[in-house]
């Protein structure tokens, strides 16, 4: 995934979490997480490569 797409996915994840929803949409992708903890783990997983 390109850095720009990774950053866009991170923003979509954060926006969904702040809104209190578990379905994240970015471009042509959509993912529904089972819990806030799972969503938080996804955010943590993309924050590391974005920070590099």
N, C-alpha and C. Protein backbone atom coordinates (compact mmCIF):
# COMPACT_ATOMS: atom_id res chain seq x y z
N UNK A 1 0.86 -1.17 0.00
CA UNK A 1 0.00 0.00 0.00
C UNK A 1 0.90 1.24 0.00
N UNK A 2 0.57 2.20 -0.81
CA UNK A 2 1.37 3.42 -0.89
C UNK A 2 1.22 4.23 0.39
N UNK A 3 2.19 5.09 0.69
CA UNK A 3 2.08 5.92 1.89
C UNK A 3 0.82 6.80 1.90
N UNK A 4 0.43 7.31 0.74
CA UNK A 4 -0.77 8.15 0.68
C UNK A 4 -2.03 7.34 0.97
N UNK A 5 -2.12 6.14 0.41
CA UNK A 5 -3.29 5.29 0.67
C UNK A 5 -3.32 4.83 2.12
N UNK A 6 -2.16 4.54 2.68
CA UNK A 6 -2.08 4.13 4.08
C UNK A 6 -2.53 5.27 4.99
N UNK A 7 -2.10 6.49 4.69
CA UNK A 7 -2.52 7.65 5.48
C UNK A 7 -4.02 7.88 5.34
N UNK A 8 -4.57 7.70 4.15
CA UNK A 8 -6.01 7.87 3.95
C UNK A 8 -6.79 6.82 4.73
N UNK A 9 -6.29 5.58 4.74
CA UNK A 9 -6.97 4.53 5.49
C UNK A 9 -6.91 4.84 6.99
N UNK A 10 -5.77 5.33 7.46
CA UNK A 10 -5.63 5.71 8.87
C UNK A 10 -6.64 6.79 9.23
N UNK A 11 -6.78 7.79 8.38
CA UNK A 11 -7.75 8.86 8.64
C UNK A 11 -9.17 8.32 8.67
N UNK A 12 -9.48 7.40 7.77
CA UNK A 12 -10.82 6.80 7.75
C UNK A 12 -11.07 5.99 9.03
N UNK A 13 -10.06 5.27 9.49
CA UNK A 13 -10.18 4.50 10.73
C UNK A 13 -10.43 5.43 11.91
N UNK A 14 -9.64 6.50 12.00
CA UNK A 14 -9.80 7.44 13.10
C UNK A 14 -11.17 8.12 13.07
N UNK A 15 -11.60 8.52 11.89
CA UNK A 15 -12.90 9.17 11.76
C UNK A 15 -14.02 8.23 12.21
N UNK A 16 -13.95 6.98 11.80
CA UNK A 16 -14.97 6.01 12.21
C UNK A 16 -14.97 5.84 13.72
N UNK A 17 -13.81 5.74 14.30
CA UNK A 17 -13.74 5.55 15.76
C UNK A 17 -14.29 6.77 16.49
N UNK A 18 -13.95 7.96 16.05
CA UNK A 18 -14.46 9.17 16.69
C UNK A 18 -15.97 9.29 16.54
N UNK A 19 -16.51 8.78 15.44
CA UNK A 19 -17.96 8.83 15.22
C UNK A 19 -18.68 7.70 15.94
N UNK A 20 -17.94 6.72 16.42
CA UNK A 20 -18.54 5.61 17.15
C UNK A 20 -19.12 4.53 16.26
N UNK A 21 -18.62 4.43 15.04
CA UNK A 21 -19.11 3.40 14.12
C UNK A 21 -18.00 2.37 13.89
N UNK A 22 -18.39 1.18 13.48
CA UNK A 22 -17.42 0.11 13.28
C UNK A 22 -17.17 -0.21 11.82
N UNK A 23 -17.89 0.44 10.91
CA UNK A 23 -17.67 0.23 9.48
C UNK A 23 -16.84 1.39 8.94
N UNK A 24 -15.75 1.03 8.29
CA UNK A 24 -14.82 2.02 7.76
C UNK A 24 -14.83 1.92 6.25
N UNK A 25 -14.98 3.06 5.58
CA UNK A 25 -14.96 3.11 4.12
C UNK A 25 -13.89 4.09 3.68
N UNK A 26 -13.08 3.67 2.73
CA UNK A 26 -12.07 4.54 2.15
C UNK A 26 -11.90 4.11 0.70
N UNK A 27 -12.24 4.99 -0.20
CA UNK A 27 -12.17 4.64 -1.62
C UNK A 27 -13.13 3.52 -1.93
N UNK A 28 -12.62 2.46 -2.53
CA UNK A 28 -13.48 1.32 -2.89
C UNK A 28 -13.45 0.21 -1.84
N UNK A 29 -12.83 0.47 -0.69
CA UNK A 29 -12.73 -0.54 0.36
C UNK A 29 -13.67 -0.22 1.51
N UNK A 30 -14.22 -1.27 2.10
CA UNK A 30 -15.10 -1.15 3.25
C UNK A 30 -14.84 -2.33 4.17
N UNK A 31 -14.66 -2.04 5.46
CA UNK A 31 -14.41 -3.08 6.45
C UNK A 31 -15.28 -2.80 7.66
N UNK A 32 -15.92 -3.85 8.19
CA UNK A 32 -16.69 -3.72 9.42
C UNK A 32 -15.96 -4.48 10.51
N UNK A 33 -15.58 -3.77 11.56
CA UNK A 33 -14.89 -4.36 12.70
C UNK A 33 -15.91 -4.85 13.71
N UNK A 34 -15.55 -5.86 14.49
CA UNK A 34 -16.48 -6.46 15.44
C UNK A 34 -16.58 -5.69 16.75
N UNK A 35 -15.56 -4.89 17.06
CA UNK A 35 -15.56 -4.17 18.33
C UNK A 35 -14.67 -2.94 18.22
N UNK A 36 -14.80 -2.06 19.22
CA UNK A 36 -13.92 -0.89 19.27
C UNK A 36 -12.47 -1.33 19.48
N UNK A 37 -12.27 -2.38 20.24
CA UNK A 37 -10.91 -2.88 20.47
C UNK A 37 -10.27 -3.35 19.16
N UNK A 38 -11.05 -4.00 18.33
CA UNK A 38 -10.53 -4.45 17.04
C UNK A 38 -10.21 -3.25 16.14
N UNK A 39 -11.06 -2.24 16.18
CA UNK A 39 -10.81 -1.02 15.42
C UNK A 39 -9.55 -0.32 15.93
N UNK A 40 -9.39 -0.27 17.25
CA UNK A 40 -8.20 0.34 17.84
C UNK A 40 -6.93 -0.40 17.42
N UNK A 41 -7.01 -1.72 17.35
CA UNK A 41 -5.86 -2.51 16.91
C UNK A 41 -5.52 -2.22 15.45
N UNK A 42 -6.53 -2.02 14.63
CA UNK A 42 -6.29 -1.68 13.22
C UNK A 42 -5.62 -0.32 13.11
N UNK A 43 -6.05 0.62 13.93
CA UNK A 43 -5.44 1.96 13.94
C UNK A 43 -3.97 1.84 14.34
N UNK A 44 -3.70 1.10 15.39
CA UNK A 44 -2.32 0.91 15.85
C UNK A 44 -1.46 0.26 14.77
N UNK A 45 -2.04 -0.67 14.03
CA UNK A 45 -1.30 -1.37 12.99
C UNK A 45 -0.90 -0.46 11.84
N UNK A 46 -1.73 0.54 11.53
CA UNK A 46 -1.37 1.43 10.42
C UNK A 46 -0.59 2.65 10.89
N UNK A 47 -0.64 2.98 12.17
CA UNK A 47 0.09 4.15 12.65
C UNK A 47 1.59 3.95 12.59
N UNK A 48 2.06 2.75 12.82
CA UNK A 48 3.49 2.50 12.80
C UNK A 48 4.11 2.77 11.43
N UNK A 49 3.58 2.20 10.34
CA UNK A 49 4.16 2.51 9.02
C UNK A 49 3.97 3.98 8.61
N UNK A 50 2.88 4.61 9.02
CA UNK A 50 2.65 6.01 8.66
C UNK A 50 3.69 6.89 9.33
N UNK A 51 4.09 6.55 10.56
CA UNK A 51 5.05 7.35 11.31
C UNK A 51 6.45 7.26 10.73
N UNK A 52 6.75 6.20 10.00
CA UNK A 52 8.10 6.02 9.45
C UNK A 52 8.41 6.93 8.36
